[in-house]
Protein backbone atom coordinates (compact mmCIF):
# COMPACT_ATOMS: atom_id res chain seq x y z
CA TYR A 1 -4.07 -8.05 -17.01
CA CYS A 2 -5.11 -11.68 -17.42
CA ARG A 3 -3.66 -15.16 -17.54
CA ILE A 4 -4.83 -18.45 -19.05
CA ASP A 5 -4.40 -21.74 -17.19
CA ALA A 6 -3.56 -25.14 -18.71
CA GLU A 7 -7.26 -25.89 -19.26
CA GLY A 8 -7.84 -22.67 -21.16
CA TYR A 9 -9.61 -20.73 -18.40
CA LEU A 10 -9.01 -16.99 -18.42
CA TYR A 11 -8.30 -15.31 -15.05
CA PHE A 12 -8.33 -11.59 -14.32
CA VAL A 13 -5.20 -11.03 -12.24
CA GLY A 14 -5.00 -7.27 -11.71
CA ARG A 15 -4.71 -3.85 -13.21
CA GLY A 16 -1.79 -3.24 -15.50
CA ASP A 17 -2.04 0.52 -15.08
CA GLU A 18 -1.40 0.53 -11.29
CA ILE A 19 -4.34 2.86 -10.59
CA ILE A 20 -5.23 3.01 -6.89
CA LYS A 21 -8.90 3.32 -5.97
CA SER A 22 -9.12 5.21 -2.67
CA ARG A 23 -12.25 6.80 -1.18
CA GLY A 24 -14.06 6.06 -4.43
CA GLU A 25 -11.53 8.14 -6.39
CA LYS A 26 -8.84 7.02 -8.81
CA VAL A 27 -5.28 7.89 -7.84
CA ALA A 28 -2.39 7.64 -10.30
CA PRO A 29 0.71 6.63 -8.29
CA LYS A 30 2.96 8.48 -10.74
CA GLU A 31 1.20 11.76 -9.97
CA VAL A 32 1.83 11.37 -6.23
CA GLU A 33 5.42 10.24 -6.89
CA ASN A 34 6.03 13.37 -8.99
CA VAL A 35 4.82 15.62 -6.16
CA LEU A 36 7.07 13.82 -3.69
CA MET A 37 10.04 14.10 -6.07
CA ASP A 38 9.50 17.88 -6.26
CA ILE A 39 10.04 18.23 -2.50
CA PRO A 40 13.62 19.34 -1.77
CA GLY A 41 15.62 16.52 -0.19
CA VAL A 42 13.70 13.67 -1.84
CA ARG A 43 15.85 11.51 -4.14
CA GLU A 44 13.38 8.72 -5.04
CA ALA A 45 9.73 7.94 -4.39
CA ALA A 46 7.40 5.00 -5.00
CA VAL A 47 3.67 4.89 -4.32
CA ILE A 48 1.46 1.82 -3.96
CA GLY A 49 -2.08 1.01 -2.86
CA VAL A 50 -2.52 -1.11 0.25
CA PRO A 51 -5.77 -2.68 1.48
CA ASP A 52 -7.76 -0.50 3.88
CA GLU A 53 -11.13 -1.33 5.46
CA LEU A 54 -12.49 2.22 5.20
CA LEU A 55 -10.82 3.52 2.05
CA GLY A 56 -10.77 0.40 -0.12
CA GLN A 57 -7.12 1.07 -0.84
CA ALA A 58 -4.91 3.49 1.06
CA VAL A 59 -2.13 5.38 -0.67
CA LYS A 60 1.27 4.46 0.80
CA ALA A 61 4.53 6.13 -0.18
CA PHE A 62 8.12 4.99 0.16
CA VAL A 63 10.73 7.74 -0.04
CA VAL A 64 14.52 7.74 -0.31
CA MET A 65 16.02 10.98 0.97
CA GLU A 66 19.11 12.80 -0.27
CA GLN A 67 22.21 12.34 1.87
CA GLY A 68 22.10 14.81 4.76
CA SER A 69 18.45 15.77 4.28
CA ILE A 70 16.73 16.61 7.55
CA ILE A 71 13.11 16.57 6.36
CA GLY A 72 11.07 13.86 8.07
CA GLU A 73 7.93 11.87 7.40
CA LYS A 74 5.65 14.44 9.09
CA GLN A 75 7.04 17.27 6.97
CA LEU A 76 6.61 15.15 3.82
CA GLN A 77 3.01 14.45 4.84
CA LYS A 78 2.30 18.17 5.35
CA GLU A 79 3.83 19.02 2.00
CA CYS A 80 1.66 16.40 0.28
CA GLN A 81 -1.43 17.80 2.01
CA ARG A 82 -0.52 21.23 0.68
CA ARG A 83 0.11 20.08 -2.91
CA LEU A 84 -2.39 17.24 -3.49
CA GLU A 85 -6.13 16.67 -3.36
CA ASN A 86 -7.14 15.14 -0.02
CA PHE A 87 -7.90 11.68 -1.48
CA MET A 88 -4.42 11.56 -3.08
CA VAL A 89 -2.42 12.28 0.07
CA PRO A 90 -0.55 9.17 1.26
CA LYS A 91 -2.03 7.71 4.44
CA SER A 92 1.52 6.74 5.37
CA ILE A 93 4.96 7.76 4.18
CA VAL A 94 7.92 5.51 4.97
CA VAL A 95 11.48 6.77 4.60
CA VAL A 96 13.73 3.93 3.37
CA ALA A 97 17.43 3.64 2.55
CA SER A 98 16.70 2.34 -0.97
CA LEU A 99 13.88 1.08 -3.17
CA PRO A 100 13.82 -2.54 -4.38
CA MET A 101 14.90 -2.98 -8.00
CA THR A 102 14.63 -5.79 -10.53
CA ASP A 103 17.69 -7.30 -12.22
CA THR A 104 17.09 -4.90 -15.12
CA GLY A 105 17.15 -1.85 -12.82
CA LYS A 106 13.41 -1.13 -12.78
CA LEU A 107 11.46 -0.45 -9.60
CA LYS A 108 10.06 -3.66 -8.11
CA LYS A 109 6.78 -2.42 -6.59
CA THR A 110 5.68 -5.95 -5.74
CA ALA A 111 8.43 -6.00 -3.08
CA LEU A 112 6.94 -2.96 -1.31
CA SER A 113 4.28 -3.36 1.37
């Protein structure tokens, strides 16, 4: 998406479609989130791209687990490796208590890092 400043200059700010470019491949965060959500014990998932010297962007996942779930980050990682192409597998998976939301109840990905 773009923005225009007071003097009329147009600035490219970022991608509106949230596509992550990792290892020269395009990764749709929603596709990785859907795989994570299909894993028993996962209640919510959010995926973002984070800067990485080797990969360009690394795939990073944040996961909220169901109450009482005993699956851990390593098991989630293994399940992603089994279900996703190698370039789509999150480099890191962080289990969190909740995901940040906007006032309107939508996921606030800009608050994730």
